[in-house]
Amino acid sequence: MSVVLELAGVCKTYPGEPPVESLRAIDLTVEDGELLAILGPSGSGKTTLLHIMAALDRPTSGSVRIAGYDTSALSDRELSGLRAYRLGVVFQQFFLLDNLSARDNVASGLLYQGIAAGQRRARAARALDRVGLAHRLDHRPPKLSGGERQRVAIARAVLGEPAIVLADEPTGNLDSAAGGQLVELLQDLNRQGTTIVVITHNAEVAAAAQRRIVLRDGRVVADAA
């Protein structure tokens, strides 16, 4: 299998008195086709790690390679392009626009790829069908349940067929039933070939992954199937 994400000796330190070491010498490799969960208590560095894996922040030291690209060698503009073409990110808060339909919210994920509007909307419809929302194409977010809104966010993340999808506490705003359905969806997408990394503090979500990494005090303390 090919490597789609690789972190080597990644550290992240925030200035202060004293400085805060959020990540300490993180070594992590994600291969194509994996479904991986990253767990840890509050303050363990999970969110900082997500931001670095998503190329939303740069490490203080160490290297990050995404789909073969060394992020330290890329400009901010090139990093934006990398995120647009190679990464899909799902956040706990959904980040959907209430005045747009589900289809147009998903289609917005291709805005920066120079694809015609009609083709964007057609691909968005197919992505929504893939996550079980073919019957909700023209519904706006206020008319959707929390679970449905998260599915829209996932459809937007997988729309461009990225090398990897990063999901930050994707069940955090859902009840247990909707959360369970979402975990099943992530497993189904993974079986179809999508590489997925889930950041979570939920042991049930983590149990659904093939591999689990535990963070504590900014360090990887466990990595096991």
Protein backbone atom coordinates (compact mmCIF):
# COMPACT_ATOMS: atom_id res chain seq x y z
CA MET A 1 0.00 0.00 0.00
CA SER A 2 1.08 3.59 -0.61
CA VAL A 3 1.54 6.12 2.19
CA VAL A 4 -0.93 9.04 2.01
CA LEU A 5 0.08 10.84 5.21
CA GLU A 6 3.41 10.82 7.02
CA LEU A 7 4.54 12.80 10.07
CA ALA A 8 8.15 12.51 11.22
CA GLY A 9 9.40 14.08 14.45
CA VAL A 10 6.56 16.62 14.47
CA CYS A 11 6.60 19.10 17.34
CA LYS A 12 4.35 22.09 17.95
CA THR A 13 5.25 24.68 20.55
CA TYR A 14 3.21 27.78 21.35
CA PRO A 15 5.06 30.80 22.76
CA GLY A 16 4.47 31.83 26.35
CA GLU A 17 6.01 31.78 29.80
CA PRO A 18 6.67 28.91 29.86
CA PRO A 19 6.17 27.79 26.21
CA VAL A 20 3.44 25.17 25.69
CA GLU A 21 4.52 21.98 23.96
CA SER A 22 1.32 20.74 22.34
CA LEU A 23 2.94 18.00 20.23
CA ARG A 24 6.19 16.22 21.03
CA ALA A 25 8.10 14.19 18.44
CA ILE A 26 5.08 12.68 16.69
CA ASP A 27 5.86 9.90 14.21
CA LEU A 28 2.78 8.72 12.32
CA THR A 29 2.15 7.01 8.98
CA VAL A 30 -1.26 6.46 7.38
CA GLU A 31 -1.51 4.10 4.43
CA ASP A 32 -4.01 4.16 1.60
CA GLY A 33 -7.26 2.43 2.59
CA GLU A 34 -6.87 2.67 6.36
CA LEU A 35 -9.61 3.59 8.85
CA LEU A 36 -7.72 5.02 11.80
CA ALA A 37 -8.92 6.53 15.10
CA ILE A 38 -6.85 8.93 17.19
CA LEU A 39 -7.93 9.08 20.83
CA GLY A 40 -6.87 11.07 23.83
CA PRO A 41 -8.21 13.10 26.74
CA SER A 42 -8.83 16.83 26.55
CA GLY A 43 -5.51 18.64 26.24
CA SER A 44 -3.69 15.66 24.74
CA GLY A 45 -2.96 17.48 21.46
CA LYS A 46 -5.65 15.92 19.24
CA THR A 47 -6.91 19.22 17.79
CA THR A 48 -3.39 20.52 17.17
CA LEU A 49 -2.52 17.26 15.43
CA LEU A 50 -5.62 17.51 13.24
CA HIS A 51 -4.73 21.06 12.19
CA ILE A 52 -1.24 19.97 11.20
CA MET A 53 -2.46 16.86 9.36
CA ALA A 54 -4.98 19.05 7.50
CA ALA A 55 -2.27 21.59 6.55
CA LEU A 56 -4.17 24.27 8.48
CA ASP A 57 -1.11 24.89 10.66
CA ARG A 58 2.60 24.25 10.33
CA PRO A 59 4.68 22.32 12.86
CA THR A 60 7.42 24.03 14.86
CA SER A 61 9.77 21.25 13.77
CA GLY A 62 9.58 17.93 11.99
CA SER A 63 8.12 17.09 8.58
CA VAL A 64 4.63 16.45 7.20
CA ARG A 65 4.00 14.75 3.85
CA ILE A 66 0.48 14.63 2.41
CA ALA A 67 -0.09 12.49 -0.68
CA GLY A 68 3.65 12.64 -1.27
CA TYR A 69 3.96 16.43 -0.91
CA ASP A 70 6.31 17.87 1.72
CA THR A 71 4.20 20.66 3.25
CA SER A 72 7.29 22.56 4.46
CA ALA A 73 8.26 23.15 0.84
CA LEU A 74 4.88 24.62 -0.12
CA SER A 75 3.71 28.25 -0.01
CA ASP A 76 0.42 29.15 1.66
CA ARG A 77 -1.20 29.27 -1.79
CA GLU A 78 0.16 25.83 -2.65
CA LEU A 79 -1.08 24.50 0.71
CA SER A 80 -4.56 25.81 -0.13
CA GLY A 81 -4.39 23.89 -3.40
CA LEU A 82 -3.26 20.76 -1.57
CA ARG A 83 -6.24 21.02 0.79
CA ALA A 84 -8.63 21.59 -2.12
CA TYR A 85 -7.45 18.58 -4.16
CA ARG A 86 -5.96 16.07 -1.73
CA LEU A 87 -7.78 16.50 1.60
CA GLY A 88 -11.32 16.24 2.89
CA VAL A 89 -12.04 17.57 6.37
CA VAL A 90 -15.18 17.02 8.47
CA PHE A 91 -15.67 19.16 11.56
CA GLN A 92 -17.93 18.65 14.56
CA GLN A 93 -19.78 21.91 13.83
CA PHE A 94 -20.84 20.98 10.22
CA PHE A 95 -20.06 24.48 8.76
CA LEU A 96 -23.01 24.47 6.34
CA LEU A 97 -24.65 27.61 4.91
CA ASP A 98 -28.30 27.80 5.96
CA ASN A 99 -29.36 29.66 2.79
CA LEU A 100 -28.05 26.94 0.45
CA SER A 101 -29.56 23.55 -0.32
CA ALA A 102 -27.75 20.38 0.68
CA ARG A 103 -26.68 19.93 -2.95
CA ASP A 104 -25.23 23.45 -3.21
CA ASN A 105 -23.48 23.14 0.16
CA VAL A 106 -21.75 20.02 -1.12
CA ALA A 107 -21.03 21.53 -4.54
CA SER A 108 -19.17 24.38 -2.80
CA GLY A 109 -16.43 21.86 -2.08
CA LEU A 110 -15.38 22.09 -5.74
CA LEU A 111 -15.51 25.90 -6.06
CA TYR A 112 -11.73 26.23 -6.26
CA GLN A 113 -11.17 23.48 -8.81
CA GLY A 114 -12.42 25.41 -11.85
CA ILE A 115 -15.32 23.02 -12.50
CA ALA A 116 -18.48 24.34 -14.17
CA ALA A 117 -21.47 24.91 -11.90
CA GLY A 118 -23.64 22.27 -13.57
CA GLN A 119 -20.96 19.62 -13.22
CA ARG A 120 -20.36 20.59 -9.57
CA ARG A 121 -24.05 20.16 -8.77
CA ALA A 122 -24.25 16.83 -10.61
CA ARG A 123 -21.26 15.49 -8.70
CA ALA A 124 -22.73 16.83 -5.45
CA ALA A 125 -25.94 14.91 -6.10
CA ARG A 126 -23.96 11.70 -6.57
CA ALA A 127 -22.00 12.33 -3.37
CA LEU A 128 -25.23 12.89 -1.41
CA ASP A 129 -26.61 9.66 -2.82
CA ARG A 130 -23.44 7.95 -1.62
CA VAL A 131 -24.15 9.06 1.97
CA GLY A 132 -27.84 8.15 1.80
CA LEU A 133 -29.30 11.61 1.19
CA ALA A 134 -30.52 11.40 -2.42
CA HIS A 135 -33.98 12.35 -1.09
CA ARG A 136 -32.71 15.53 0.59
CA LEU A 137 -30.89 17.26 -2.29
CA ASP A 138 -32.92 20.47 -2.15
CA HIS A 139 -33.42 20.66 1.62
CA ARG A 140 -31.61 23.45 3.44
CA PRO A 141 -29.69 22.69 6.66
CA PRO A 142 -32.39 24.07 9.04
CA LYS A 143 -34.73 21.40 7.62
CA LEU A 144 -32.26 18.58 8.24
CA SER A 145 -31.55 16.62 11.41
CA GLY A 146 -28.12 16.78 13.04
CA GLY A 147 -27.20 13.41 11.58
CA GLU A 148 -28.29 14.49 8.11
CA ARG A 149 -26.28 17.71 8.35
CA GLN A 150 -23.18 15.74 9.27
CA ARG A 151 -23.80 13.47 6.28
CA VAL A 152 -23.94 16.56 4.06
CA ALA A 153 -20.58 17.64 5.52
CA ILE A 154 -19.15 14.18 4.80
CA ALA A 155 -20.48 14.25 1.23
CA ARG A 156 -18.71 17.59 0.74
CA ALA A 157 -15.48 16.12 2.15
CA VAL A 158 -15.48 13.08 -0.18
CA LEU A 159 -16.75 14.96 -3.24
CA GLY A 160 -13.34 15.55 -4.80
CA GLU A 161 -12.16 11.98 -4.08
CA PRO A 162 -9.34 13.17 -1.82
CA ALA A 163 -6.36 11.07 -0.82
CA ILE A 164 -7.51 11.19 2.81
CA VAL A 165 -10.49 12.37 4.86
CA LEU A 166 -9.91 13.77 8.36
CA ALA A 167 -12.92 13.81 10.70
CA ASP A 168 -12.79 15.85 13.93
CA GLU A 169 -15.19 14.47 16.57
CA PRO A 170 -17.80 13.77 13.83
CA THR A 171 -20.33 12.35 16.32
CA GLY A 172 -19.77 15.01 18.97
CA ASN A 173 -23.01 16.91 18.23
CA LEU A 174 -25.15 13.82 17.60
CA ASP A 175 -27.25 11.58 19.82
CA SER A 176 -26.18 7.97 20.23
CA ALA A 177 -28.47 6.61 17.48
CA ALA A 178 -27.38 9.18 14.88
CA GLY A 179 -23.77 8.75 16.00
CA GLY A 180 -23.95 5.00 15.48
CA GLN A 181 -25.37 5.48 11.99
CA LEU A 182 -22.58 7.91 11.18
CA VAL A 183 -19.93 5.43 12.29
CA GLU A 184 -21.50 2.81 10.00
CA LEU A 185 -21.36 5.33 7.15
CA LEU A 186 -17.66 5.99 7.75
CA GLN A 187 -17.00 2.24 7.74
CA ASP A 188 -18.95 1.89 4.48
CA LEU A 189 -17.02 4.73 2.83
CA ASN A 190 -13.78 3.11 3.98
CA ARG A 191 -14.84 -0.24 2.48
CA GLN A 192 -15.38 1.64 -0.79
CA GLY A 193 -11.76 2.80 -0.68
CA THR A 194 -11.75 6.11 1.21
CA THR A 195 -8.84 6.55 3.65
CA ILE A 196 -10.21 8.02 6.89
CA VAL A 197 -8.65 9.35 10.10
CA VAL A 198 -11.12 10.07 12.93
CA ILE A 199 -10.17 12.28 15.88
CA THR A 200 -12.35 11.26 18.83
CA HIS A 201 -12.61 10.83 22.57
CA ASN A 202 -15.47 8.34 22.10
CA ALA A 203 -14.34 4.75 22.74
CA GLU A 204 -17.25 3.32 20.71
CA VAL A 205 -16.26 5.36 17.66
CA ALA A 206 -12.65 4.28 18.08
CA ALA A 207 -13.66 0.63 18.39
CA ALA A 208 -15.06 0.76 14.86
CA ALA A 209 -11.63 1.63 13.42
CA GLN A 210 -9.08 -0.91 12.22
CA ARG A 211 -6.27 0.89 14.04
CA ARG A 212 -6.20 3.08 17.14
CA ILE A 213 -3.61 5.61 18.21
CA VAL A 214 -3.65 7.10 21.71
CA LEU A 215 -2.24 10.56 22.43
CA ARG A 216 -1.30 11.78 25.88
CA ASP A 217 0.51 15.01 26.72
CA GLY A 218 1.35 15.53 23.07
CA ARG A 219 2.94 12.11 22.56
CA VAL A 220 1.82 8.88 20.91
CA VAL A 221 1.60 6.39 23.77
CA ALA A 222 -0.12 3.53 21.89
CA ASP A 223 -0.56 2.46 18.26
CA ALA A 224 -2.32 -0.84 17.72
CA ALA A 225 -4.77 -2.69 15.49
